[in-house]
Structure formats: C-alpha cells, structure tokens
C-alpha atoms as a PDB file:
ATOM      1  CA  UNK A   1       7.657  -6.429  17.161  1.00  0.00           C
ATOM      2  CA  UNK A   2      10.096  -3.500  17.258  1.00  0.00           C
ATOM      3  CA  UNK A   3      10.013   0.076  18.357  1.00  0.00           C
ATOM      4  CA  UNK A   4      13.476   0.780  16.303  1.00  0.00           C
ATOM      5  CA  UNK A   5      13.176   4.605  15.485  1.00  0.00           C
ATOM      6  CA  UNK A   6      14.858   5.257  11.902  1.00  0.00           C
ATOM      7  CA  UNK A   7      15.406   8.384  10.185  1.00  0.00           C
ATOM      8  CA  UNK A   8      13.614   6.278   6.958  1.00  0.00           C
ATOM      9  CA  UNK A   9      10.772   3.992   6.773  1.00  0.00           C
ATOM     10  CA  UNK A  10      10.240   4.663   2.846  1.00  0.00           C
ATOM     11  CA  UNK A  11      11.219   1.359   0.972  1.00  0.00           C
ATOM     12  CA  UNK A  12      12.470   3.423  -1.988  1.00  0.00           C
ATOM     13  CA  UNK A  13      15.092   4.745   0.515  1.00  0.00           C
ATOM     14  CA  UNK A  14      16.351   0.873   1.207  1.00  0.00           C
ATOM     15  CA  UNK A  15      16.430  -0.134  -2.522  1.00  0.00           C
ATOM     16  CA  UNK A  16      18.818   2.916  -2.966  1.00  0.00           C
ATOM     17  CA  UNK A  17      20.886   1.993  -0.198  1.00  0.00           C
ATOM     18  CA  UNK A  18      20.855  -1.736  -2.034  1.00  0.00           C
ATOM     19  CA  UNK A  19      21.498  -0.488  -5.370  1.00  0.00           C
ATOM     20  CA  UNK A  20      24.838   1.778  -4.101  1.00  0.00           C
ATOM     21  CA  UNK A  21      25.708  -1.360  -2.051  1.00  0.00           C
ATOM     22  CA  UNK A  22      26.392  -2.931  -5.373  1.00  0.00           C
ATOM     23  CA  UNK A  23      28.058  -0.082  -6.882  1.00  0.00           C
ATOM     24  CA  UNK A  24      27.997   3.850  -7.444  1.00  0.00           C
ATOM     25  CA  UNK A  25      25.207   4.971  -9.650  1.00  0.00           C
ATOM     26  CA  UNK A  26      23.588   7.971 -10.905  1.00  0.00           C
ATOM     27  CA  UNK A  27      19.682   8.418 -10.317  1.00  0.00           C
ATOM     28  CA  UNK A  28      18.616   7.576 -13.954  1.00  0.00           C
ATOM     29  CA  UNK A  29      20.764   4.306 -13.655  1.00  0.00           C
ATOM     30  CA  UNK A  30      18.956   3.633 -10.320  1.00  0.00           C
ATOM     31  CA  UNK A  31      15.641   4.015 -11.922  1.00  0.00           C
ATOM     32  CA  UNK A  32      16.696   2.135 -14.951  1.00  0.00           C
ATOM     33  CA  UNK A  33      17.850  -0.926 -12.974  1.00  0.00           C
ATOM     34  CA  UNK A  34      14.979  -0.798 -10.593  1.00  0.00           C
ATOM     35  CA  UNK A  35      12.668  -1.182 -13.451  1.00  0.00           C
ATOM     36  CA  UNK A  36      14.598  -3.674 -15.048  1.00  0.00           C
ATOM     37  CA  UNK A  37      14.366  -5.888 -12.069  1.00  0.00           C
ATOM     38  CA  UNK A  38      10.598  -5.085 -11.947  1.00  0.00           C
ATOM     39  CA  UNK A  39      10.949  -3.636  -8.289  1.00  0.00           C
ATOM     40  CA  UNK A  40       8.403  -0.944  -9.170  1.00  0.00           C
ATOM     41  CA  UNK A  41       5.867  -3.650  -8.300  1.00  0.00           C
ATOM     42  CA  UNK A  42       6.742  -3.987  -4.820  1.00  0.00           C
ATOM     43  CA  UNK A  43       8.387  -0.205  -4.186  1.00  0.00           C
ATOM     44  CA  UNK A  44       6.643   2.988  -5.412  1.00  0.00           C
ATOM     45  CA  UNK A  45       8.819   4.539  -7.856  1.00  0.00           C
ATOM     46  CA  UNK A  46       8.886   8.068  -9.639  1.00  0.00           C
ATOM     47  CA  UNK A  47      11.580  10.270 -10.196  1.00  0.00           C
ATOM     48  CA  UNK A  48      10.492  13.168  -8.143  1.00  0.00           C
ATOM     49  CA  UNK A  49      10.532  10.954  -4.964  1.00  0.00           C
ATOM     50  CA  UNK A  50      13.690   9.318  -5.851  1.00  0.00           C
ATOM     51  CA  UNK A  51      15.631  12.634  -6.000  1.00  0.00           C
ATOM     52  CA  UNK A  52      13.744  13.507  -2.860  1.00  0.00           C
ATOM     53  CA  UNK A  53      15.148  10.338  -0.977  1.00  0.00           C
ATOM     54  CA  UNK A  54      18.425  10.730  -2.600  1.00  0.00           C
ATOM     55  CA  UNK A  55      18.635  14.298  -0.762  1.00  0.00           C
ATOM     56  CA  UNK A  56      17.646  12.661   2.779  1.00  0.00           C
ATOM     57  CA  UNK A  57      19.913  10.070   2.405  1.00  0.00           C
ATOM     58  CA  UNK A  58      22.883  12.852   1.615  1.00  0.00           C
ATOM     59  CA  UNK A  59      21.724  14.713   4.629  1.00  0.00           C
ATOM     60  CA  UNK A  60      21.807  11.603   6.845  1.00  0.00           C
ATOM     61  CA  UNK A  61      25.635  11.075   5.353  1.00  0.00           C
ATOM     62  CA  UNK A  62      24.480   7.506   4.254  1.00  0.00           C
ATOM     63  CA  UNK A  63      25.355   8.272   0.815  1.00  0.00           C
ATOM     64  CA  UNK A  64      27.918  10.817  -0.835  1.00  0.00           C
ATOM     65  CA  UNK A  65      28.619  12.139  -4.220  1.00  0.00           C
ATOM     66  CA  UNK A  66      31.363  10.166  -5.885  1.00  0.00           C
ATOM     67  CA  UNK A  67      31.567  12.400  -9.113  1.00  0.00           C
ATOM     68  CA  UNK A  68      29.678  14.618 -11.497  1.00  0.00           C
ATOM     69  CA  UNK A  69      29.932  13.622 -14.945  1.00  0.00           C
ATOM     70  CA  UNK A  70      29.477  15.724 -18.300  1.00  0.00           C
ATOM     71  CA  UNK A  71      29.174  14.365 -21.533  1.00  0.00           C
ATOM     72  CA  UNK A  72      28.805  16.702 -24.413  1.00  0.00           C
ATOM     73  CA  UNK A  73      25.750  18.838 -24.461  1.00  0.00           C
ATOM     74  CA  UNK A  74      24.055  16.333 -22.193  1.00  0.00           C
ATOM     75  CA  UNK A  75      23.118  17.359 -18.470  1.00  0.00           C
ATOM     76  CA  UNK A  76      25.597  16.859 -15.939  1.00  0.00           C
ATOM     77  CA  UNK A  77      25.056  13.390 -14.010  1.00  0.00           C
ATOM     78  CA  UNK A  78      25.988  13.102 -10.245  1.00  0.00           C
ATOM     79  CA  UNK A  79      27.456   9.593  -9.223  1.00  0.00           C
ATOM     80  CA  UNK A  80      26.537   8.642  -5.699  1.00  0.00           C
ATOM     81  CA  UNK A  81      28.199   5.976  -3.576  1.00  0.00           C
ATOM     82  CA  UNK A  82      27.530   4.348  -0.169  1.00  0.00           C
ATOM     83  CA  UNK A  83      29.123   5.342   2.841  1.00  0.00           C
ATOM     84  CA  UNK A  84      30.215   3.436   5.781  1.00  0.00           C
ATOM     85  CA  UNK A  85      27.325   4.610   7.704  1.00  0.00           C
ATOM     86  CA  UNK A  86      24.912   3.812   5.087  1.00  0.00           C
ATOM     87  CA  UNK A  87      26.357   0.447   4.645  1.00  0.00           C
ATOM     88  CA  UNK A  88      25.590  -0.156   8.532  1.00  0.00           C
ATOM     89  CA  UNK A  89      22.110   1.229   8.293  1.00  0.00           C
ATOM     90  CA  UNK A  90      20.992  -0.855   5.234  1.00  0.00           C
ATOM     91  CA  UNK A  91      22.234  -4.181   6.929  1.00  0.00           C
ATOM     92  CA  UNK A  92      20.394  -3.525  10.149  1.00  0.00           C
ATOM     93  CA  UNK A  93      17.350  -2.313   8.657  1.00  0.00           C
ATOM     94  CA  UNK A  94      17.056  -5.359   6.212  1.00  0.00           C
ATOM     95  CA  UNK A  95      17.824  -7.503   9.213  1.00  0.00           C
ATOM     96  CA  UNK A  96      14.936  -5.851  11.130  1.00  0.00           C
ATOM     97  CA  UNK A  97      12.603  -6.039   8.251  1.00  0.00           C
ATOM     98  CA  UNK A  98      13.027  -9.618   7.666  1.00  0.00           C
ATOM     99  CA  UNK A  99      13.098 -10.797  11.463  1.00  0.00           C
ATOM    100  CA  UNK A 100      10.404  -8.526  12.864  1.00  0.00           C
ATOM    101  CA  UNK A 101       6.621  -8.385  11.776  1.00  0.00           C
ATOM    102  CA  UNK A 102       5.364  -4.628  11.883  1.00  0.00           C
ATOM    103  CA  UNK A 103       1.597  -3.846  11.748  1.00  0.00           C
ATOM    104  CA  UNK A 104       0.576  -2.544   8.717  1.00  0.00           C
ATOM    105  CA  UNK A 105      -2.663  -0.600   7.476  1.00  0.00           C
ATOM    106  CA  UNK A 106      -4.016  -2.046   4.162  1.00  0.00           C
ATOM    107  CA  UNK A 107      -7.076  -0.110   2.811  1.00  0.00           C
ATOM    108  CA  UNK A 108      -9.152  -3.264   2.660  1.00  0.00           C
ATOM    109  CA  UNK A 109      -8.590  -3.888   6.229  1.00  0.00           C
ATOM    110  CA  UNK A 110      -9.586  -0.528   7.365  1.00  0.00           C
ATOM    111  CA  UNK A 111     -12.842  -0.766   4.592  1.00  0.00           C
ATOM    112  CA  UNK A 112     -13.616  -4.403   6.593  1.00  0.00           C
ATOM    113  CA  UNK A 113     -13.356  -2.495   9.910  1.00  0.00           C
ATOM    114  CA  UNK A 114     -15.942  -0.008   9.021  1.00  0.00           C
ATOM    115  CA  UNK A 115     -17.898  -2.351   7.059  1.00  0.00           C
ATOM    116  CA  UNK A 116     -21.424  -1.524   9.299  1.00  0.00           C
ATOM    117  CA  UNK A 117     -21.912   1.680   6.886  1.00  0.00           C
ATOM    118  CA  UNK A 118     -23.108  -0.378   3.944  1.00  0.00           C
ATOM    119  CA  UNK A 119     -25.947  -2.660   3.973  1.00  0.00           C
ATOM    120  CA  UNK A 120     -25.042  -6.485   3.733  1.00  0.00           C
ATOM    121  CA  UNK A 121     -26.725  -6.739   0.509  1.00  0.00           C
ATOM    122  CA  UNK A 122     -24.345  -4.296  -0.974  1.00  0.00           C
ATOM    123  CA  UNK A 123     -21.802  -5.618   0.186  1.00  0.00           C
ATOM    124  CA  UNK A 124     -22.274  -8.989  -1.118  1.00  0.00           C
ATOM    125  CA  UNK A 125     -22.536  -7.682  -4.508  1.00  0.00           C
ATOM    126  CA  UNK A 126     -19.119  -5.524  -4.000  1.00  0.00           C
ATOM    127  CA  UNK A 127     -17.463  -8.543  -2.615  1.00  0.00           C
ATOM    128  CA  UNK A 128     -18.386 -10.564  -5.704  1.00  0.00           C
ATOM    129  CA  UNK A 129     -16.660  -8.133  -7.893  1.00  0.00           C
ATOM    130  CA  UNK A 130     -13.670  -7.979  -4.967  1.00  0.00           C
ATOM    131  CA  UNK A 131     -13.175 -12.071  -5.566  1.00  0.00           C
ATOM    132  CA  UNK A 132     -13.453 -11.772  -9.468  1.00  0.00           C
ATOM    133  CA  UNK A 133     -10.616  -9.109  -9.764  1.00  0.00           C
ATOM    134  CA  UNK A 134      -8.686 -11.291  -7.012  1.00  0.00           C
ATOM    135  CA  UNK A 135      -9.139 -14.221  -9.600  1.00  0.00           C
ATOM    136  CA  UNK A 136      -7.894 -12.422 -12.304  1.00  0.00           C
ATOM    137  CA  UNK A 137      -4.559 -11.257 -10.427  1.00  0.00           C
ATOM    138  CA  UNK A 138      -4.208 -14.708  -9.187  1.00  0.00           C
ATOM    139  CA  UNK A 139      -4.279 -16.164 -12.999  1.00  0.00           C
ATOM    140  CA  UNK A 140      -1.610 -13.024 -13.914  1.00  0.00           C
ATOM    141  CA  UNK A 141       0.725 -13.772 -11.264  1.00  0.00           C
ATOM    142  CA  UNK A 142       0.488 -17.385 -12.255  1.00  0.00           C
ATOM    143  CA  UNK A 143       1.147 -16.703 -15.884  1.00  0.00           C
ATOM    144  CA  UNK A 144       4.481 -14.371 -14.760  1.00  0.00           C
ATOM    145  CA  UNK A 145       5.494 -17.320 -12.893  1.00  0.00           C
ATOM    146  CA  UNK A 146       5.350 -19.711 -15.555  1.00  0.00           C
ATOM    147  CA  UNK A 147       7.405 -16.804 -17.714  1.00  0.00           C
ATOM    148  CA  UNK A 148      10.178 -16.848 -15.278  1.00  0.00           C
ATOM    149  CA  UNK A 149      10.260 -20.550 -14.926  1.00  0.00           C
ATOM    150  CA  UNK A 150      10.631 -20.769 -18.870  1.00  0.00           C
ATOM    151  CA  UNK A 151      13.283 -18.013 -18.744  1.00  0.00           C
ATOM    152  CA  UNK A 152      15.085 -20.368 -15.849  1.00  0.00           C
ATOM    153  CA  UNK A 153      15.249 -17.078 -13.601  1.00  0.00           C
ATOM    154  CA  UNK A 154      16.656 -17.941 -10.176  1.00  0.00           C
ATOM    155  CA  UNK A 155      13.842 -18.309  -7.622  1.00  0.00           C
ATOM    156  CA  UNK A 156      15.977 -15.431  -5.324  1.00  0.00           C
ATOM    157  CA  UNK A 157      14.733 -13.063  -8.031  1.00  0.00           C
ATOM    158  CA  UNK A 158      10.830 -13.760  -8.089  1.00  0.00           C
ATOM    159  CA  UNK A 159      10.478 -14.098  -4.012  1.00  0.00           C
ATOM    160  CA  UNK A 160       8.296 -11.071  -3.973  1.00  0.00           C
ATOM    161  CA  UNK A 161       6.044 -12.637  -6.448  1.00  0.00           C
ATOM    162  CA  UNK A 162       5.670 -15.552  -4.436  1.00  0.00           C
ATOM    163  CA  UNK A 163       5.059 -13.374  -1.346  1.00  0.00           C
ATOM    164  CA  UNK A 164       2.421 -11.302  -3.531  1.00  0.00           C
ATOM    165  CA  UNK A 165       0.779 -14.463  -4.778  1.00  0.00           C
ATOM    166  CA  UNK A 166       0.461 -15.852  -0.997  1.00  0.00           C
ATOM    167  CA  UNK A 167      -1.109 -12.876   0.600  1.00  0.00           C
ATOM    168  CA  UNK A 168      -3.493 -12.225  -2.721  1.00  0.00           C
ATOM    169  CA  UNK A 169      -4.687 -15.851  -2.284  1.00  0.00           C
ATOM    170  CA  UNK A 170      -5.455 -15.435   1.449  1.00  0.00           C
ATOM    171  CA  UNK A 171      -7.359 -12.341   0.774  1.00  0.00           C
ATOM    172  CA  UNK A 172      -9.403 -14.478  -1.715  1.00  0.00           C
ATOM    173  CA  UNK A 173      -9.967 -16.892   0.642  1.00  0.00           C
ATOM    174  CA  UNK A 174     -11.149 -14.415   3.180  1.00  0.00           C
ATOM    175  CA  UNK A 175     -13.412 -12.617   0.840  1.00  0.00           C
ATOM    176  CA  UNK A 176     -14.990 -15.962  -0.406  1.00  0.00           C
ATOM    177  CA  UNK A 177     -15.616 -17.037   3.278  1.00  0.00           C
ATOM    178  CA  UNK A 178     -17.074 -13.792   4.234  1.00  0.00           C
ATOM    179  CA  UNK A 179     -19.504 -13.480   1.249  1.00  0.00           C
ATOM    180  CA  UNK A 180     -20.597 -17.300   2.109  1.00  0.00           C
ATOM    181  CA  UNK A 181     -21.009 -16.124   5.786  1.00  0.00           C
ATOM    182  CA  UNK A 182     -23.030 -13.077   4.870  1.00  0.00           C
ATOM    183  CA  UNK A 183     -25.505 -15.019   2.593  1.00  0.00           C
ATOM    184  CA  UNK A 184     -25.868 -17.884   5.112  1.00  0.00           C
ATOM    185  CA  UNK A 185     -26.230 -15.687   8.250  1.00  0.00           C
ATOM    186  CA  UNK A 186     -23.620 -17.484  10.132  1.00  0.00           C
ATOM    187  CA  UNK A 187     -23.411 -16.774  13.740  1.00  0.00           C
ATOM    188  CA  UNK A 188     -26.436 -13.969  13.057  1.00  0.00           C
ATOM    189  CA  UNK A 189     -23.664 -12.165  10.912  1.00  0.00           C
ATOM    190  CA  UNK A 190     -26.426 -10.770   8.522  1.00  0.00           C
ATOM    191  CA  UNK A 191     -29.333 -10.370  10.826  1.00  0.00           C
ATOM    192  CA  UNK A 192     -27.512  -8.661  13.259  1.00  0.00           C
ATOM    193  CA  UNK A 193     -25.962  -6.327  10.917  1.00  0.00           C
ATOM    194  CA  UNK A 194     -29.323  -5.472   9.432  1.00  0.00           C
ATOM    195  CA  UNK A 195     -30.623  -4.845  12.768  1.00  0.00           C
ATOM    196  CA  UNK A 196     -28.006  -2.436  13.843  1.00  0.00           C
ATOM    197  CA  UNK A 197     -28.073  -0.628  10.629  1.00  0.00           C
ATOM    198  CA  UNK A 198     -32.164  -0.252  10.905  1.00  0.00           C
ATOM    199  CA  UNK A 199     -31.662   1.222  14.556  1.00  0.00           C
ATOM    200  CA  UNK A 200     -28.830   3.652  13.066  1.00  0.00           C
ATOM    201  CA  UNK A 201     -31.304   4.919  10.118  1.00  0.00           C
ATOM    202  CA  UNK A 202     -33.918   5.460  12.871  1.00  0.00           C
ATOM    203  CA  UNK A 203     -31.995   7.402  15.106  1.00  0.00           C
ATOM    204  CA  UNK A 204     -30.806   9.222  11.918  1.00  0.00           C
ATOM    205  CA  UNK A 205     -34.056  10.061  11.089  1.00  0.00           C
ATOM    206  CA  UNK A 206     -35.418  11.280  14.753  1.00  0.00           C
ATOM    207  CA  UNK A 207     -32.225  13.294  14.352  1.00  0.00           C
ATOM    208  CA  UNK A 208     -33.626  15.062  10.932  1.00  0.00           C
ATOM    209  CA  UNK A 209     -37.058  15.425  12.636  1.00  0.00           C
ATOM    210  CA  UNK A 210     -35.955  17.062  15.663  1.00  0.00           C
ATOM    211  CA  UNK A 211     -33.902  19.667  13.523  1.00  0.00           C
ATOM    212  CA  UNK A 212     -36.601  20.428  10.910  1.00  0.00           C
ATOM    213  CA  UNK A 213     -38.845  22.509  13.361  1.00  0.00           C
ATOM    214  CA  UNK A 214     -35.826  24.677  14.390  1.00  0.00           C
ATOM    215  CA  UNK A 215     -35.009  25.016  10.614  1.00  0.00           C
ATOM    216  CA  UNK A 216     -38.526  26.119  10.062  1.00  0.00           C
ATOM    217  CA  UNK A 217     -38.462  28.415  12.917  1.00  0.00           C
ATOM    218  CA  UNK A 218     -35.339  29.908  11.637  1.00  0.00           C
ATOM    219  CA  UNK A 219     -37.077  30.193   8.204  1.00  0.00           C
ATOM    220  CA  UNK A 220     -40.292  31.860   9.558  1.00  0.00           C
ATOM    221  CA  UNK A 221     -37.862  34.520  11.650  1.00  0.00           C
ATOM    222  CA  UNK A 222     -35.793  35.323   8.502  1.00  0.00           C
ATOM    223  CA  UNK A 223     -39.315  36.135   6.608  1.00  0.00           C
ATOM    224  CA  UNK A 224     -40.829  38.275   9.217  1.00  0.00           C
ATOM    225  CA  UNK A 225     -37.473  40.387   9.430  1.00  0.00           C
ATOM    226  CA  UNK A 226     -37.911  40.969   5.578  1.00  0.00           C
END
C-alpha cells in the first residue's frame, strides 16, 4: 500500500496525461480518442468533467496551452501539450498504480457489510437476481472478446476487459457461494442472522411502545389547552 499524496486521484486526469504524452490535442479530440478506444468503460467521461480536469492540470502546471486554433466561424479550439513536470507525474503515477494495491470501496462490498438490515429470505431472492445479471454481463464480455479476436486486435488493447471479466467472475462465484451458504445455513449463518434480526425488531417494537405513552400525553395536553 502507498500513502503518496498526489494532486489528483481522478483516472480522467491520468488519461489526459497519457493522451498528451502521445501528442498535443484539444479537448474534443481527447474525448473522441478515448471513446474510439472504448476507454469510457474503464474511465468515467463527460465533457464537463473533462474541461474541469484540464483546468486543474493547467493550475498544477502539468500541461500548457500550445496554440489556439480558429477555423472560419467555428469556435476556437485550444490545443494542449504535456510539460516536463506532467510527464514526470504521469510516469510516477503509473508506476505507483501498477505496483501498489489500494483499498477501494465498491458499493456491493458496502452492502455486504450492512446486510443484516435485510432478512435472509429476501437477500436470497436478491442474490438470485444479481447472479443472473452477472451471468449476462459475463456473456457480453465474452462476446466482446470474440469480436476483438476476430478483428485480430493486439491483446495489449483489451487487458482492461480481461481484468473486468476476472473481477466479474470472482463476484459471480462469491455471490453463488454466499447464496448457497444462506440456503443451507452453513455455520449457522441463516439461523444466527434470523435470531439477531428478531432481537433487533423486538427491541425496536419495545422502543415504540415506550414512546407511545409520551406521545399520547402530549396529545392530551394539546387538547386541554385548546
């Protein structure tokens, strides 16, 4: 793990630095190139955030304006280029990302950590839905992989798809195993879960009963005052 503090953590900033490492570009060309390379499946991209990140890179002096082009009545196009400081940041950042695992916070992991709020019977139904959707995603990834092979694209350009397939399959296997363990009450998972929820619901019901008399008293006082 690394504790390196960087001025950026947004993958879009990294992508912009990589594009300008190749050659100077204007923002529209950057967005078009990323979409042509299908990078939007790995990096969230929209024009608003693209321009915002470019402004941040300018402030950090990682990039600079190379020229402003004007063609007839069309809007001006600002072409940006990578500065030496930006190239050094890019290479160092890439080395860090490839070599050092970082704790991420996926929403599914967050849901798993808070799962007892739902009854196990409902969770089994929800997991069945999730497993079906994951299987559909895996089929789509496999179809895309076949298309890439038919086009004879170099493997280097589909590595992110391989990674996504791997983590999707891992999540699929985890979800199937979890569903199986809940169904067969492995290690008392389901029964213990149900017992804990029953205790929680009983405690909540008790709290509501304690609060009810106070509410009634306040209501009686209001009626008397009227």
